[in-house]
Amino acid sequence: MGNTIGDAAADAGFPYDHVDYVCPPGYHDNEYYAHQCMFCDGGLTACTVCNGFEGAMTTQCPGRRMTTTENDEVYAGKLDFRGGRWAAATSFYAPKGYVNYAHALEGFN
């Protein structure tokens, strides 16, 4: 078993399939804080397909842009996309998901 929420999701049969945003080449040229970009450093994530972002990220990508309502419900822990369908469940990546799935991680057993 891995040691991240993403590992717990993959272990449950839901591998990460979002397309992560990556800053384009040259985006940070001549910027003082370029070396501290949270996307480039892996501190933030956003999907370029579904527009999920951090706590409003579904467990798996629905393959299309989420509506505002879907995005809000994912963040609230009321809706998730996993296994190819929408479900009334909490995403592994939503704030409530951190608590729900932390027990599956090493050191929390």
C-alpha atoms as a PDB file:
ATOM      1  CA  MET A   1       0.000   0.000   0.000  1.00  0.00           C
ATOM      2  CA  GLY A   2       1.227   3.482  -0.803  1.00  0.00           C
ATOM      3  CA  ASN A   3       1.185   6.481   1.453  1.00  0.00           C
ATOM      4  CA  THR A   4      -1.053   9.005  -0.304  1.00  0.00           C
ATOM      5  CA  ILE A   5      -4.782   9.467  -0.821  1.00  0.00           C
ATOM      6  CA  GLY A   6      -4.128   8.786  -4.525  1.00  0.00           C
ATOM      7  CA  ASP A   7      -2.554   5.453  -3.574  1.00  0.00           C
ATOM      8  CA  ALA A   8      -5.600   4.600  -1.443  1.00  0.00           C
ATOM      9  CA  ALA A   9      -7.894   5.412  -4.392  1.00  0.00           C
ATOM     10  CA  ALA A  10      -5.806   3.250  -6.736  1.00  0.00           C
ATOM     11  CA  ASP A  11      -5.784   0.412  -4.205  1.00  0.00           C
ATOM     12  CA  ALA A  12      -9.599   0.629  -4.139  1.00  0.00           C
ATOM     13  CA  GLY A  13      -9.661   0.172  -7.927  1.00  0.00           C
ATOM     14  CA  PHE A  14      -9.839   3.823  -8.965  1.00  0.00           C
ATOM     15  CA  PRO A  15      -6.486   4.819 -10.495  1.00  0.00           C
ATOM     16  CA  TYR A  16      -5.836   8.516 -11.065  1.00  0.00           C
ATOM     17  CA  ASP A  17      -6.753   9.434 -14.646  1.00  0.00           C
ATOM     18  CA  HIS A  18      -7.070  13.229 -14.564  1.00  0.00           C
ATOM     19  CA  VAL A  19      -4.970  15.282 -16.993  1.00  0.00           C
ATOM     20  CA  ASP A  20      -2.971  17.571 -14.713  1.00  0.00           C
ATOM     21  CA  TYR A  21      -2.443  21.199 -15.614  1.00  0.00           C
ATOM     22  CA  VAL A  22       1.189  21.958 -16.402  1.00  0.00           C
ATOM     23  CA  CYS A  23       2.474  25.496 -16.858  1.00  0.00           C
ATOM     24  CA  PRO A  24       3.473  25.979 -20.507  1.00  0.00           C
ATOM     25  CA  PRO A  25       7.158  26.356 -21.395  1.00  0.00           C
ATOM     26  CA  GLY A  26       8.314  29.907 -20.829  1.00  0.00           C
ATOM     27  CA  TYR A  27       5.318  30.762 -18.640  1.00  0.00           C
ATOM     28  CA  HIS A  28       7.548  31.685 -15.710  1.00  0.00           C
ATOM     29  CA  ASP A  29      10.386  33.328 -17.654  1.00  0.00           C
ATOM     30  CA  ASN A  30      11.785  36.318 -15.807  1.00  0.00           C
ATOM     31  CA  GLU A  31       9.440  35.899 -12.825  1.00  0.00           C
ATOM     32  CA  TYR A  32      10.952  36.331  -9.400  1.00  0.00           C
ATOM     33  CA  TYR A  33       8.820  33.557  -7.837  1.00  0.00           C
ATOM     34  CA  ALA A  34       8.967  31.184 -10.837  1.00  0.00           C
ATOM     35  CA  HIS A  35      10.747  28.538  -8.761  1.00  0.00           C
ATOM     36  CA  GLN A  36       7.834  28.531  -6.292  1.00  0.00           C
ATOM     37  CA  CYS A  37       4.939  27.718  -8.643  1.00  0.00           C
ATOM     38  CA  MET A  38       2.569  25.412  -6.750  1.00  0.00           C
ATOM     39  CA  PHE A  39       1.533  23.637  -9.958  1.00  0.00           C
ATOM     40  CA  CYS A  40       5.098  23.071 -11.138  1.00  0.00           C
ATOM     41  CA  ASP A  41       6.215  21.949  -7.676  1.00  0.00           C
ATOM     42  CA  GLY A  42       3.323  19.487  -7.354  1.00  0.00           C
ATOM     43  CA  GLY A  43       1.607  21.330  -4.497  1.00  0.00           C
ATOM     44  CA  LEU A  44      -1.604  22.009  -6.429  1.00  0.00           C
ATOM     45  CA  THR A  45      -3.471  20.047  -9.039  1.00  0.00           C
ATOM     46  CA  ALA A  46      -6.134  20.925 -11.563  1.00  0.00           C
ATOM     47  CA  CYS A  47      -7.545  18.760 -14.349  1.00  0.00           C
ATOM     48  CA  THR A  48      -7.533  20.305 -17.811  1.00  0.00           C
ATOM     49  CA  VAL A  49     -10.414  18.058 -18.927  1.00  0.00           C
ATOM     50  CA  CYS A  50     -13.035  18.232 -16.150  1.00  0.00           C
ATOM     51  CA  ASN A  51     -11.787  21.448 -14.531  1.00  0.00           C
ATOM     52  CA  GLY A  52     -11.626  19.719 -11.151  1.00  0.00           C
ATOM     53  CA  PHE A  53      -9.326  21.477  -8.711  1.00  0.00           C
ATOM     54  CA  GLU A  54      -7.914  20.280  -5.405  1.00  0.00           C
ATOM     55  CA  GLY A  55     -10.851  19.575  -3.016  1.00  0.00           C
ATOM     56  CA  ALA A  56     -13.354  19.659  -5.897  1.00  0.00           C
ATOM     57  CA  MET A  57     -11.515  16.888  -7.757  1.00  0.00           C
ATOM     58  CA  THR A  58     -13.514  13.751  -8.489  1.00  0.00           C
ATOM     59  CA  THR A  59     -11.851  10.418  -7.770  1.00  0.00           C
ATOM     60  CA  GLN A  60     -11.668   9.785 -11.514  1.00  0.00           C
ATOM     61  CA  CYS A  61     -12.110  12.163 -14.429  1.00  0.00           C
ATOM     62  CA  PRO A  62     -15.615  12.216 -15.964  1.00  0.00           C
ATOM     63  CA  GLY A  63     -14.100  13.064 -19.344  1.00  0.00           C
ATOM     64  CA  ARG A  64     -15.894  16.386 -19.698  1.00  0.00           C
ATOM     65  CA  ARG A  65     -16.006  19.718 -17.934  1.00  0.00           C
ATOM     66  CA  MET A  66     -18.043  19.551 -14.723  1.00  0.00           C
ATOM     67  CA  THR A  67     -20.931  21.919 -14.204  1.00  0.00           C
ATOM     68  CA  THR A  68     -20.776  24.443 -11.378  1.00  0.00           C
ATOM     69  CA  THR A  69     -23.334  22.394  -9.447  1.00  0.00           C
ATOM     70  CA  GLU A  70     -21.342  19.180  -9.894  1.00  0.00           C
ATOM     71  CA  ASN A  71     -18.166  20.952  -8.823  1.00  0.00           C
ATOM     72  CA  ASP A  72     -19.851  22.317  -5.677  1.00  0.00           C
ATOM     73  CA  GLU A  73     -21.352  18.916  -4.808  1.00  0.00           C
ATOM     74  CA  VAL A  74     -18.001  17.184  -5.260  1.00  0.00           C
ATOM     75  CA  TYR A  75     -16.360  19.674  -2.898  1.00  0.00           C
ATOM     76  CA  ALA A  76     -19.192  19.204  -0.385  1.00  0.00           C
ATOM     77  CA  GLY A  77     -18.653  15.433  -0.421  1.00  0.00           C
ATOM     78  CA  LYS A  78     -22.060  14.668  -1.947  1.00  0.00           C
ATOM     79  CA  LEU A  79     -21.045  13.593  -5.465  1.00  0.00           C
ATOM     80  CA  ASP A  80     -18.170  11.721  -7.063  1.00  0.00           C
ATOM     81  CA  PHE A  81     -17.218  10.196 -10.403  1.00  0.00           C
ATOM     82  CA  ARG A  82     -15.534   6.808 -10.165  1.00  0.00           C
ATOM     83  CA  GLY A  83     -15.637   3.550 -12.049  1.00  0.00           C
ATOM     84  CA  GLY A  84     -17.153   5.254 -15.099  1.00  0.00           C
ATOM     85  CA  ARG A  85     -20.238   6.661 -13.380  1.00  0.00           C
ATOM     86  CA  TRP A  86     -21.496   9.400 -11.088  1.00  0.00           C
ATOM     87  CA  ALA A  87     -22.232   8.292  -7.533  1.00  0.00           C
ATOM     88  CA  ALA A  88     -23.656   9.840  -4.381  1.00  0.00           C
ATOM     89  CA  ALA A  89     -20.310   9.377  -2.631  1.00  0.00           C
ATOM     90  CA  THR A  90     -17.395  11.395  -1.299  1.00  0.00           C
ATOM     91  CA  SER A  91     -14.402  11.810  -3.592  1.00  0.00           C
ATOM     92  CA  PHE A  92     -11.102  10.558  -2.247  1.00  0.00           C
ATOM     93  CA  TYR A  93      -9.785  14.095  -2.906  1.00  0.00           C
ATOM     94  CA  ALA A  94     -12.621  16.137  -1.341  1.00  0.00           C
ATOM     95  CA  PRO A  95     -12.023  17.540   2.155  1.00  0.00           C
ATOM     96  CA  LYS A  96     -14.351  14.926   3.689  1.00  0.00           C
ATOM     97  CA  GLY A  97     -12.511  12.275   1.703  1.00  0.00           C
ATOM     98  CA  TYR A  98      -9.256  13.044   3.485  1.00  0.00           C
ATOM     99  CA  VAL A  99     -10.875  11.988   6.751  1.00  0.00           C
ATOM    100  CA  ASN A 100     -12.839   9.066   5.286  1.00  0.00           C
ATOM    101  CA  TYR A 101      -9.838   7.467   3.590  1.00  0.00           C
ATOM    102  CA  ALA A 102      -6.978   8.405   5.917  1.00  0.00           C
ATOM    103  CA  HIS A 103      -7.449   5.133   7.819  1.00  0.00           C
ATOM    104  CA  ALA A 104      -6.438   3.246   4.658  1.00  0.00           C
ATOM    105  CA  LEU A 105      -3.006   4.834   4.638  1.00  0.00           C
ATOM    106  CA  GLU A 106       0.039   3.354   6.278  1.00  0.00           C
ATOM    107  CA  GLY A 107       0.471   4.633   9.785  1.00  0.00           C
ATOM    108  CA  PHE A 108      -3.265   5.154  10.290  1.00  0.00           C
ATOM    109  CA  ASN A 109      -4.213   1.492  10.715  1.00  0.00           C
END
